[in-house]
Amino acid sequence: MSGYGNGFACAAGAEDFTATAHRTGKGGRKVTVKGTCQCRTPGFALKLALASPPIVPVPEELHLELTEVPPTETTAAVITPTDVEGEFDIGDEVERVLIRNRNITVLVKEG
């Protein structure tokens, strides 16, 4: 897990995430990315979203961003595990997920 000194309120590392691919009914492929971050206080909402495509395409990678939405109320400073999950359409060539703004790479497992 990375420290909080990177400007983020929630810490996470590659060991905190999984990426599981599965086939859809129409023959497509999706990946479910799940993780748990350690946030400085309770009440944070975490979201995974598609990142802008890299300048040099990397067909084996799905590029995501992890964003934090801070709590609206003042809360005690207690390290709190906070879950995040997202599902994304992918092609057959995708082997790993890169959470770009956290420099986290997760291998895709077939589920």
C-alpha atoms as a PDB file:
ATOM      1  CA  MET A   1       0.000   0.000   0.000  1.00  0.00           C
ATOM      2  CA  SER A   2       1.357   3.437  -0.861  1.00  0.00           C
ATOM      3  CA  GLY A   3       1.576   6.180   1.740  1.00  0.00           C
ATOM      4  CA  TYR A   4      -0.570   9.285   2.041  1.00  0.00           C
ATOM      5  CA  GLY A   5       2.283  11.633   1.056  1.00  0.00           C
ATOM      6  CA  ASN A   6       1.244  11.511  -2.617  1.00  0.00           C
ATOM      7  CA  GLY A   7      -1.531  14.087  -2.186  1.00  0.00           C
ATOM      8  CA  PHE A   8      -4.321  11.503  -1.951  1.00  0.00           C
ATOM      9  CA  ALA A   9      -6.478  10.987   1.124  1.00  0.00           C
ATOM     10  CA  CYS A  10      -6.863   7.257   0.447  1.00  0.00           C
ATOM     11  CA  ALA A  11      -3.899   4.894   0.135  1.00  0.00           C
ATOM     12  CA  ALA A  12      -3.832   1.761  -2.003  1.00  0.00           C
ATOM     13  CA  GLY A  13      -1.454  -0.526  -3.842  1.00  0.00           C
ATOM     14  CA  ALA A  14      -1.687  -3.264  -6.454  1.00  0.00           C
ATOM     15  CA  GLU A  15      -2.246  -5.848  -3.701  1.00  0.00           C
ATOM     16  CA  ASP A  16      -5.478  -4.049  -2.787  1.00  0.00           C
ATOM     17  CA  PHE A  17      -7.129  -4.602  -6.212  1.00  0.00           C
ATOM     18  CA  THR A  18      -8.444  -7.464  -8.343  1.00  0.00           C
ATOM     19  CA  ALA A  19      -9.523  -7.496 -11.993  1.00  0.00           C
ATOM     20  CA  THR A  20     -11.754 -10.353 -13.144  1.00  0.00           C
ATOM     21  CA  ALA A  21     -12.843 -10.761 -16.766  1.00  0.00           C
ATOM     22  CA  HIS A  22     -15.970 -12.563 -17.894  1.00  0.00           C
ATOM     23  CA  ARG A  23     -17.888 -13.119 -21.120  1.00  0.00           C
ATOM     24  CA  THR A  24     -21.215 -11.444 -21.716  1.00  0.00           C
ATOM     25  CA  GLY A  25     -24.202 -13.131 -23.317  1.00  0.00           C
ATOM     26  CA  LYS A  26     -23.433 -11.477 -26.659  1.00  0.00           C
ATOM     27  CA  GLY A  27     -19.853 -12.797 -26.774  1.00  0.00           C
ATOM     28  CA  GLY A  28     -18.284  -9.572 -25.509  1.00  0.00           C
ATOM     29  CA  ARG A  29     -15.894  -9.350 -22.617  1.00  0.00           C
ATOM     30  CA  LYS A  30     -16.101  -7.235 -19.454  1.00  0.00           C
ATOM     31  CA  VAL A  31     -13.771  -6.771 -16.523  1.00  0.00           C
ATOM     32  CA  THR A  32     -14.824  -6.076 -12.954  1.00  0.00           C
ATOM     33  CA  VAL A  33     -12.211  -4.141 -11.006  1.00  0.00           C
ATOM     34  CA  LYS A  34     -12.541  -4.201  -7.207  1.00  0.00           C
ATOM     35  CA  GLY A  35     -10.387  -2.667  -4.550  1.00  0.00           C
ATOM     36  CA  THR A  36     -10.195  -1.478  -0.978  1.00  0.00           C
ATOM     37  CA  CYS A  37      -8.367   1.726  -0.101  1.00  0.00           C
ATOM     38  CA  GLN A  38      -7.408   2.956   3.351  1.00  0.00           C
ATOM     39  CA  CYS A  39      -8.898   6.463   3.698  1.00  0.00           C
ATOM     40  CA  ARG A  40      -7.904   8.991   6.351  1.00  0.00           C
ATOM     41  CA  THR A  41     -11.488   9.398   7.561  1.00  0.00           C
ATOM     42  CA  PRO A  42     -14.834   7.665   7.074  1.00  0.00           C
ATOM     43  CA  GLY A  43     -17.227   9.004   4.463  1.00  0.00           C
ATOM     44  CA  PHE A  44     -15.050   9.023   1.349  1.00  0.00           C
ATOM     45  CA  ALA A  45     -16.629   7.831  -1.899  1.00  0.00           C
ATOM     46  CA  LEU A  46     -14.264   6.266  -4.440  1.00  0.00           C
ATOM     47  CA  LYS A  47     -14.878   5.926  -8.175  1.00  0.00           C
ATOM     48  CA  LEU A  48     -13.096   4.143 -11.005  1.00  0.00           C
ATOM     49  CA  ALA A  49     -13.465   5.703 -14.450  1.00  0.00           C
ATOM     50  CA  LEU A  50     -11.922   5.279 -17.871  1.00  0.00           C
ATOM     51  CA  ALA A  51      -8.802   7.408 -18.313  1.00  0.00           C
ATOM     52  CA  SER A  52      -8.038   9.227 -21.535  1.00  0.00           C
ATOM     53  CA  PRO A  53      -6.264   6.920 -23.989  1.00  0.00           C
ATOM     54  CA  PRO A  54      -2.453   6.923 -23.860  1.00  0.00           C
ATOM     55  CA  ILE A  55      -0.543   8.733 -26.610  1.00  0.00           C
ATOM     56  CA  VAL A  56       0.952   5.427 -27.711  1.00  0.00           C
ATOM     57  CA  PRO A  57      -1.830   2.798 -27.701  1.00  0.00           C
ATOM     58  CA  VAL A  58      -1.279  -0.227 -25.464  1.00  0.00           C
ATOM     59  CA  PRO A  59      -3.955  -2.750 -26.513  1.00  0.00           C
ATOM     60  CA  GLU A  60      -3.104  -5.095 -23.603  1.00  0.00           C
ATOM     61  CA  GLU A  61      -3.997  -2.451 -20.998  1.00  0.00           C
ATOM     62  CA  LEU A  62      -7.205  -0.879 -19.773  1.00  0.00           C
ATOM     63  CA  HIS A  63      -6.388   2.600 -18.415  1.00  0.00           C
ATOM     64  CA  LEU A  64      -8.423   3.827 -15.438  1.00  0.00           C
ATOM     65  CA  GLU A  65      -8.357   6.699 -12.945  1.00  0.00           C
ATOM     66  CA  LEU A  66      -9.291   6.397  -9.265  1.00  0.00           C
ATOM     67  CA  THR A  67     -10.999   9.484  -7.875  1.00  0.00           C
ATOM     68  CA  GLU A  68     -11.834  10.416  -4.306  1.00  0.00           C
ATOM     69  CA  VAL A  69     -14.929  12.322  -3.247  1.00  0.00           C
ATOM     70  CA  PRO A  70     -14.361  13.638   0.294  1.00  0.00           C
ATOM     71  CA  PRO A  71     -17.046  13.471   2.964  1.00  0.00           C
ATOM     72  CA  THR A  72     -19.361  16.466   3.195  1.00  0.00           C
ATOM     73  CA  GLU A  73     -19.355  16.459   6.990  1.00  0.00           C
ATOM     74  CA  THR A  74     -16.455  16.751   9.415  1.00  0.00           C
ATOM     75  CA  THR A  75     -15.457  13.333  10.710  1.00  0.00           C
ATOM     76  CA  ALA A  76     -12.843  11.962  13.077  1.00  0.00           C
ATOM     77  CA  ALA A  77      -9.470  11.056  11.611  1.00  0.00           C
ATOM     78  CA  VAL A  78      -9.773   7.263  11.685  1.00  0.00           C
ATOM     79  CA  ILE A  79      -8.188   5.116   8.974  1.00  0.00           C
ATOM     80  CA  THR A  80     -11.181   3.544   7.243  1.00  0.00           C
ATOM     81  CA  PRO A  81     -11.223   0.745   4.649  1.00  0.00           C
ATOM     82  CA  THR A  82     -13.275   1.995   1.695  1.00  0.00           C
ATOM     83  CA  ASP A  83     -14.361  -0.212  -1.207  1.00  0.00           C
ATOM     84  CA  VAL A  84     -14.443   0.741  -4.867  1.00  0.00           C
ATOM     85  CA  GLU A  85     -15.744  -1.241  -7.844  1.00  0.00           C
ATOM     86  CA  GLY A  86     -16.251  -0.682 -11.546  1.00  0.00           C
ATOM     87  CA  GLU A  87     -17.173  -2.767 -14.585  1.00  0.00           C
ATOM     88  CA  PHE A  88     -15.788  -1.988 -18.039  1.00  0.00           C
ATOM     89  CA  ASP A  89     -16.068  -3.397 -21.561  1.00  0.00           C
ATOM     90  CA  ILE A  90     -12.759  -4.778 -22.810  1.00  0.00           C
ATOM     91  CA  GLY A  91     -11.389  -6.587 -25.829  1.00  0.00           C
ATOM     92  CA  ASP A  92      -9.837 -10.048 -25.869  1.00  0.00           C
ATOM     93  CA  GLU A  93      -6.333  -8.525 -25.948  1.00  0.00           C
ATOM     94  CA  VAL A  94      -6.609  -6.843 -22.514  1.00  0.00           C
ATOM     95  CA  GLU A  95      -4.326  -8.576 -19.985  1.00  0.00           C
ATOM     96  CA  ARG A  96      -3.942  -5.923 -17.286  1.00  0.00           C
ATOM     97  CA  VAL A  97      -5.557  -2.860 -15.764  1.00  0.00           C
ATOM     98  CA  LEU A  98      -3.500   0.270 -15.111  1.00  0.00           C
ATOM     99  CA  ILE A  99      -4.874   2.733 -12.561  1.00  0.00           C
ATOM    100  CA  ARG A 100      -2.822   5.523 -14.018  1.00  0.00           C
ATOM    101  CA  ASN A 101      -3.047   8.236 -11.379  1.00  0.00           C
ATOM    102  CA  ARG A 102      -1.926   5.753  -8.693  1.00  0.00           C
ATOM    103  CA  ASN A 103       0.630   3.836 -10.782  1.00  0.00           C
ATOM    104  CA  ILE A 104      -1.128   0.554  -9.930  1.00  0.00           C
ATOM    105  CA  THR A 105      -1.084  -2.383 -12.354  1.00  0.00           C
ATOM    106  CA  VAL A 106      -3.382  -5.369 -11.834  1.00  0.00           C
ATOM    107  CA  LEU A 107      -3.342  -8.536 -13.949  1.00  0.00           C
ATOM    108  CA  VAL A 108      -6.714  -9.567 -15.368  1.00  0.00           C
ATOM    109  CA  LYS A 109      -7.872 -13.020 -14.283  1.00  0.00           C
ATOM    110  CA  GLU A 110     -10.576 -14.938 -16.096  1.00  0.00           C
ATOM    111  CA  GLY A 111     -13.625 -15.546 -13.925  1.00  0.00           C
END
